[in-house]
Amino acid sequence: MSESKLPFTVLTGFLGAGKTTVLNRILSAAGGRRIAVLVNELGRIAIDSKLILSRGGDVLELAGGCVCCKVDTKNDLWDGIADIAERSRPDHIILETTGIAEPAAIFDGFRYMPEDKRNAIEPVGIVAVVDAEAGPRILAEREEAREQVLSADRLLLSKLDLASPVQARAVHEALDALNLDAERASFPMDEAASHQLTQWITMHKRLRAARAHNHSHAQGQLVAISFEEQAPLLGDRLVQLVESHRQVLYRVKGFVNLAGEARRGFLELAGDRVSLVLGEPWSEGEARSDLVLIGEGLDEAALRRQLWACRSKPTG
């Protein structure tokens, strides 16, 4: 992407998936980056009042140089993007769609923009927020929700702290069937993870591919990643995650707090074999996951958010 082009990300997700929560986290963790958020109805989105500095017409001035603007996606989306790019000169634009929008249709209008405006803006990704608790039912019932997932290059799982292990497994299976290629991630509700969320949401798709290409030429350099987590994890998804990284992982070893299981799990990749076995019951207050992953040119941030996507709420 040319440095003169303004990166543009669509944040989509069905009604109630948690897009506003995601936006508030992004804006709170912008870290000096000027992010412009476009919404269909300014009154509809509950931007955290602590972030709002002033209000003028259809624009909210937010902390850290960010802005929030009202835009009609049917009539003036691309003109609105060009206008806010000229007025506010942000580093990144995020469009938060309505809960029933189909992102692919939004991009149709991009082709008909005047060339000078089209050359100033670069669409860099579609991120779909998926409710882990209600997602299986919504994806089964609503075509709009399925279209959002199908169009996304990244899938952000929300409400994993509310989803039962059965619901969490079901949403993963539904996403497997619709879009297995999109990176699946989740981020705990803490400040450090919010910064990682912001970086991930605004990531350029081609930059991610270029980083993976560099890893393939790492000349045997091994990286060790430690992962600790209190929340229970879905064992089958952990095994699948390790299997999906077999080309770059050489060793995985550690104890796992498994969702719905009182006994400690032990996850291991040794040679060509991945195993997850059960051991003795956890002592009271002892249950936690503690893993070490060793591989060639590993992307630690990507692995960590993919591991977080395996979380589930405690049972009992």
Protein backbone atom coordinates (compact mmCIF):
# COMPACT_ATOMS: atom_id res chain seq x y z
CA MET A 1 0.00 0.00 0.00
CA SER A 2 1.29 3.46 -0.86
CA GLU A 3 2.05 5.68 2.12
CA SER A 4 -0.23 8.34 0.63
CA LYS A 5 -3.26 6.08 0.78
CA LEU A 6 -5.49 6.07 3.85
CA PRO A 7 -6.17 2.54 5.20
CA PHE A 8 -9.84 1.70 5.68
CA THR A 9 -11.24 -1.21 7.72
CA VAL A 10 -14.83 -2.44 7.97
CA LEU A 11 -15.89 -3.66 11.42
CA THR A 12 -19.03 -5.74 11.05
CA GLY A 13 -21.06 -8.20 13.10
CA PHE A 14 -24.68 -9.06 13.72
CA LEU A 15 -26.92 -7.10 16.09
CA GLY A 16 -25.65 -7.34 19.66
CA ALA A 17 -22.35 -9.03 18.79
CA GLY A 18 -20.35 -6.41 20.70
CA LYS A 19 -19.05 -4.00 18.05
CA THR A 20 -19.48 -0.93 20.27
CA THR A 21 -17.43 -2.55 23.04
CA VAL A 22 -14.72 -3.31 20.50
CA LEU A 23 -14.72 0.29 19.24
CA ASN A 24 -14.44 1.73 22.74
CA ARG A 25 -11.47 -0.53 23.41
CA ILE A 26 -9.82 0.52 20.15
CA LEU A 27 -10.29 4.23 20.84
CA SER A 28 -9.11 3.89 24.44
CA ALA A 29 -5.95 2.15 23.26
CA ALA A 30 -5.22 4.22 20.14
CA GLY A 31 -1.86 5.17 21.63
CA GLY A 32 -1.53 8.47 19.79
CA ARG A 33 -2.75 7.13 16.45
CA ARG A 34 -5.45 9.28 14.88
CA ILE A 35 -8.32 6.88 14.21
CA ALA A 36 -11.54 8.00 12.55
CA VAL A 37 -14.65 5.93 13.29
CA LEU A 38 -17.58 6.19 10.90
CA VAL A 39 -21.04 5.13 12.07
CA ASN A 40 -24.49 5.20 10.47
CA GLU A 41 -26.16 6.93 13.42
CA LEU A 42 -24.07 8.95 15.84
CA GLY A 43 -26.69 8.59 18.57
CA ARG A 44 -26.82 4.84 18.11
CA ILE A 45 -23.25 4.14 19.17
CA ALA A 46 -22.43 4.49 22.86
CA ILE A 47 -18.94 5.95 22.63
CA ASP A 48 -17.46 6.05 26.12
CA SER A 49 -18.14 9.56 27.51
CA LYS A 50 -14.57 9.68 28.89
CA LEU A 51 -13.30 9.63 25.29
CA ILE A 52 -15.43 12.56 24.02
CA LEU A 53 -13.76 15.97 24.06
CA SER A 54 -16.26 17.97 22.03
CA ARG A 55 -19.22 17.63 19.69
CA GLY A 56 -19.74 19.60 16.50
CA GLY A 57 -22.47 18.74 13.98
CA ASP A 58 -21.96 15.20 12.82
CA VAL A 59 -18.48 14.88 14.31
CA LEU A 60 -17.33 13.94 17.79
CA GLU A 61 -13.78 14.93 18.67
CA LEU A 62 -12.28 12.16 20.76
CA ALA A 63 -9.23 11.82 22.94
CA GLY A 64 -5.88 11.14 21.29
CA GLY A 65 -6.78 12.93 18.06
CA CYS A 66 -9.46 10.41 17.10
CA VAL A 67 -12.84 11.40 15.66
CA CYS A 68 -16.25 9.76 15.34
CA CYS A 69 -18.42 10.78 12.38
CA LYS A 70 -21.93 10.10 11.16
CA VAL A 71 -22.22 8.79 7.60
CA ASP A 72 -24.98 7.37 5.40
CA THR A 73 -23.51 4.14 4.02
CA LYS A 74 -26.13 3.95 1.29
CA ASN A 75 -25.62 7.43 -0.16
CA ASP A 76 -22.42 9.15 0.91
CA LEU A 77 -20.06 6.60 2.42
CA TRP A 78 -17.12 7.08 0.09
CA ASP A 79 -17.60 10.83 -0.16
CA GLY A 80 -17.76 10.90 3.65
CA ILE A 81 -14.53 8.95 3.90
CA ALA A 82 -12.81 11.30 1.48
CA ASP A 83 -14.16 14.30 3.41
CA ILE A 84 -13.03 13.10 6.83
CA ALA A 85 -9.64 12.16 5.37
CA GLU A 86 -9.23 15.74 4.18
CA ARG A 87 -10.57 17.43 7.33
CA SER A 88 -9.08 15.28 10.08
CA ARG A 89 -6.17 13.55 8.36
CA PRO A 90 -6.45 10.36 10.42
CA ASP A 91 -3.99 7.47 10.35
CA HIS A 92 -6.77 4.91 9.87
CA ILE A 93 -10.52 4.86 9.22
CA ILE A 94 -12.85 2.24 10.69
CA LEU A 95 -16.42 1.89 9.47
CA GLU A 96 -18.73 0.30 12.04
CA THR A 97 -21.60 -1.16 10.05
CA THR A 98 -25.17 -1.70 11.14
CA GLY A 99 -25.85 -5.15 12.52
CA ILE A 100 -27.59 -6.31 9.37
CA ALA A 101 -25.18 -4.86 6.81
CA GLU A 102 -23.49 -7.04 4.20
CA PRO A 103 -19.89 -5.80 3.96
CA ALA A 104 -19.32 -7.05 0.42
CA ALA A 105 -22.10 -4.75 -0.81
CA ILE A 106 -20.49 -1.78 0.94
CA PHE A 107 -17.35 -2.18 -1.15
CA ASP A 108 -19.31 -2.24 -4.41
CA GLY A 109 -19.53 1.55 -4.35
CA PHE A 110 -15.76 1.88 -4.07
CA ARG A 111 -15.37 0.97 -7.75
CA TYR A 112 -17.53 3.91 -8.84
CA MET A 113 -15.66 6.62 -6.94
CA PRO A 114 -13.83 9.29 -8.92
CA GLU A 115 -10.31 8.09 -9.59
CA ASP A 116 -8.63 10.76 -7.48
CA LYS A 117 -10.67 9.80 -4.41
CA ARG A 118 -10.35 6.08 -5.07
CA ASN A 119 -6.57 6.38 -5.28
CA ALA A 120 -6.46 8.13 -1.89
CA ILE A 121 -8.19 5.31 0.04
CA GLU A 122 -7.12 1.70 0.51
CA PRO A 123 -9.58 -0.91 1.88
CA VAL A 124 -7.41 -3.16 4.06
CA GLY A 125 -9.76 -5.62 5.69
CA ILE A 126 -13.12 -6.77 6.97
CA VAL A 127 -13.32 -7.84 10.63
CA ALA A 128 -16.48 -9.63 11.76
CA VAL A 129 -17.37 -9.73 15.46
CA VAL A 130 -19.09 -13.02 16.35
CA ASP A 131 -21.01 -13.58 19.60
CA ALA A 132 -19.66 -16.88 20.96
CA GLU A 133 -22.74 -17.41 23.12
CA ALA A 134 -25.54 -16.68 20.62
CA GLY A 135 -23.51 -17.09 17.44
CA PRO A 136 -24.47 -20.69 16.55
CA ARG A 137 -28.18 -19.85 16.63
CA ILE A 138 -27.77 -16.52 14.83
CA LEU A 139 -25.59 -17.99 12.11
CA ALA A 140 -28.14 -20.74 11.57
CA GLU A 141 -31.07 -18.31 11.40
CA ARG A 142 -29.76 -15.15 9.72
CA GLU A 143 -28.34 -14.90 6.21
CA GLU A 144 -26.90 -11.45 7.04
CA ALA A 145 -24.77 -12.93 9.81
CA ARG A 146 -23.49 -15.66 7.51
CA GLU A 147 -22.62 -13.10 4.82
CA GLN A 148 -20.65 -11.07 7.36
CA VAL A 149 -18.58 -14.10 8.31
CA LEU A 150 -18.11 -15.18 4.68
CA SER A 151 -16.78 -11.76 3.68
CA ALA A 152 -14.35 -11.36 6.61
CA ASP A 153 -10.61 -11.90 6.56
CA ARG A 154 -10.59 -11.80 10.38
CA LEU A 155 -13.12 -13.17 12.88
CA LEU A 156 -13.22 -11.68 16.39
CA LEU A 157 -14.91 -13.88 18.99
CA SER A 158 -16.76 -11.94 21.68
CA LYS A 159 -18.46 -13.08 24.92
CA LEU A 160 -16.31 -16.16 25.39
CA ASP A 161 -16.62 -15.47 29.12
CA LEU A 162 -20.38 -16.04 28.80
CA ALA A 163 -20.42 -18.96 26.36
CA SER A 164 -20.62 -22.48 27.76
CA PRO A 165 -18.10 -25.02 26.42
CA VAL A 166 -20.89 -26.48 24.28
CA GLN A 167 -21.73 -23.05 22.82
CA ALA A 168 -18.08 -22.18 22.26
CA ARG A 169 -17.46 -25.43 20.40
CA ALA A 170 -20.61 -24.90 18.36
CA VAL A 171 -19.58 -21.41 17.24
CA HIS A 172 -16.16 -22.68 16.20
CA GLU A 173 -17.78 -25.46 14.18
CA ALA A 174 -20.14 -22.98 12.51
CA LEU A 175 -17.23 -20.73 11.58
CA ASP A 176 -15.25 -23.72 10.32
CA ALA A 177 -18.06 -24.46 7.89
CA LEU A 178 -18.36 -20.86 6.67
CA ASN A 179 -14.86 -19.42 6.63
CA LEU A 180 -11.99 -21.62 7.69
CA ASP A 181 -9.37 -19.33 6.13
CA ALA A 182 -10.09 -16.20 8.20
CA GLU A 183 -7.87 -15.74 11.23
CA ARG A 184 -9.88 -16.32 14.40
CA ALA A 185 -8.94 -14.30 17.49
CA SER A 186 -10.06 -13.08 20.88
CA PHE A 187 -8.60 -10.60 23.37
CA PRO A 188 -9.05 -10.53 27.17
CA MET A 189 -10.55 -7.40 28.72
CA ASP A 190 -7.36 -5.77 29.94
CA GLU A 191 -5.34 -2.77 28.79
CA ALA A 192 -2.45 -4.70 27.27
CA ALA A 193 -4.81 -6.89 25.25
CA SER A 194 -6.76 -3.81 24.11
CA HIS A 195 -3.57 -2.44 22.56
CA GLN A 196 -3.06 -5.76 20.78
CA LEU A 197 -6.70 -5.67 19.63
CA THR A 198 -6.20 -2.19 18.14
CA GLN A 199 -3.09 -3.29 16.27
CA TRP A 200 -4.88 -6.38 14.97
CA ILE A 201 -8.01 -4.55 13.82
CA THR A 202 -5.96 -1.96 11.92
CA MET A 203 -3.55 -4.51 10.47
CA HIS A 204 -3.14 -4.46 6.71
CA LYS A 205 -3.92 -7.83 5.17
CA ARG A 206 -0.97 -7.78 2.79
CA LEU A 207 1.44 -6.81 5.56
CA ARG A 208 0.35 -9.92 7.45
CA ALA A 209 1.09 -12.06 4.37
CA ALA A 210 4.49 -10.41 3.95
CA ARG A 211 5.34 -11.17 7.57
CA ALA A 212 4.45 -14.83 7.05
CA HIS A 213 6.70 -14.88 3.97
CA ASN A 214 9.61 -13.57 6.01
CA HIS A 215 9.07 -16.31 8.56
CA SER A 216 9.47 -18.98 5.93
CA HIS A 217 13.04 -17.76 5.41
CA ALA A 218 13.98 -17.60 9.08
CA GLN A 219 17.02 -19.85 8.45
CA GLY A 220 16.27 -22.16 11.38
CA GLN A 221 15.87 -19.44 14.03
CA LEU A 222 13.66 -20.85 16.78
CA VAL A 223 11.31 -18.82 18.96
CA ALA A 224 9.89 -19.89 22.34
CA ILE A 225 6.52 -18.49 23.46
CA SER A 226 5.06 -18.85 26.95
CA PHE A 227 1.29 -18.70 27.37
CA GLU A 228 -0.52 -18.49 30.71
CA GLU A 229 -4.30 -18.27 31.10
CA GLN A 230 -6.72 -18.63 34.02
CA ALA A 231 -9.88 -19.11 31.96
CA PRO A 232 -10.75 -22.66 30.87
CA LEU A 233 -9.76 -23.62 27.33
CA LEU A 234 -11.45 -25.89 24.79
CA GLY A 235 -9.16 -28.88 24.39
CA ASP A 236 -10.30 -29.90 20.92
CA ARG A 237 -9.72 -26.38 19.60
CA LEU A 238 -6.25 -26.30 21.16
CA VAL A 239 -5.31 -29.53 19.42
CA GLN A 240 -6.68 -28.21 16.13
CA LEU A 241 -4.71 -24.96 16.56
CA VAL A 242 -1.46 -26.85 17.15
CA GLU A 243 -2.19 -29.11 14.18
CA SER A 244 -2.77 -26.06 11.96
CA HIS A 245 0.70 -24.72 12.83
CA ARG A 246 2.58 -28.01 12.38
CA GLN A 247 4.75 -26.59 9.60
CA VAL A 248 6.36 -24.11 11.98
CA LEU A 249 5.93 -25.68 15.44
CA TYR A 250 8.53 -28.14 16.70
CA ARG A 251 7.54 -28.53 20.34
CA VAL A 252 4.51 -27.73 22.48
CA LYS A 253 4.26 -28.76 26.11
CA GLY A 254 2.26 -27.75 29.14
CA PHE A 255 -0.69 -28.15 31.47
CA VAL A 256 -4.14 -27.02 30.41
CA ASN A 257 -7.20 -25.99 32.40
CA LEU A 258 -9.81 -27.70 30.21
CA ALA A 259 -13.39 -26.44 29.98
CA GLY A 260 -15.83 -28.79 31.71
CA GLU A 261 -13.06 -31.01 33.08
CA ALA A 262 -11.92 -31.24 36.71
CA ARG A 263 -8.71 -33.05 35.80
CA ARG A 264 -5.59 -31.30 34.54
CA GLY A 265 -4.86 -31.68 30.87
CA PHE A 266 -1.41 -32.13 29.41
CA LEU A 267 -0.94 -30.89 25.85
CA GLU A 268 2.13 -31.99 23.93
CA LEU A 269 3.56 -31.86 20.43
CA ALA A 270 6.56 -34.17 20.19
CA GLY A 271 7.88 -35.25 16.83
CA ASP A 272 4.89 -35.84 14.57
CA ARG A 273 2.40 -36.54 17.33
CA VAL A 274 0.01 -34.13 19.06
CA SER A 275 -1.62 -35.41 22.24
CA LEU A 276 -3.89 -34.10 24.97
CA VAL A 277 -4.21 -36.41 27.96
CA LEU A 278 -5.89 -36.10 31.34
CA GLY A 279 -4.07 -36.37 34.63
CA GLU A 280 -4.91 -35.89 38.28
CA PRO A 281 -7.67 -33.52 39.42
CA TRP A 282 -6.67 -29.93 40.06
CA SER A 283 -6.34 -28.83 43.67
CA GLU A 284 -8.70 -26.04 44.70
CA GLY A 285 -7.67 -22.73 43.15
CA GLU A 286 -4.82 -24.34 41.22
CA ALA A 287 -6.40 -24.73 37.76
CA ARG A 288 -4.65 -22.67 35.07
CA SER A 289 -3.07 -23.22 31.68
CA ASP A 290 0.69 -22.89 31.32
CA LEU A 291 2.07 -23.69 27.87
CA VAL A 292 5.37 -23.32 26.04
CA LEU A 293 5.39 -23.32 22.24
CA ILE A 294 8.66 -23.54 20.31
CA GLY A 295 8.87 -23.09 16.57
CA GLU A 296 10.53 -21.43 13.63
CA GLY A 297 9.77 -17.75 13.09
CA LEU A 298 6.60 -17.80 15.19
CA ASP A 299 4.34 -14.74 15.25
CA GLU A 300 3.85 -14.47 19.00
CA ALA A 301 1.02 -11.92 18.88
CA ALA A 302 -0.93 -13.99 16.35
CA LEU A 303 -0.52 -17.23 18.31
CA ARG A 304 -1.50 -15.55 21.57
CA ARG A 305 -4.76 -14.13 20.20
CA GLN A 306 -5.57 -17.48 18.55
CA LEU A 307 -5.00 -19.22 21.89
CA TRP A 308 -7.27 -16.67 23.58
CA ALA A 309 -9.95 -17.61 21.06
CA CYS A 310 -9.99 -21.11 22.65
CA ARG A 311 -11.29 -19.75 25.98
CA SER A 312 -14.61 -20.69 27.58
CA LYS A 313 -16.43 -19.69 30.75
CA PRO A 314 -15.99 -21.87 33.86
CA THR A 315 -18.64 -24.52 34.50
CA GLY A 316 -20.28 -25.38 37.74
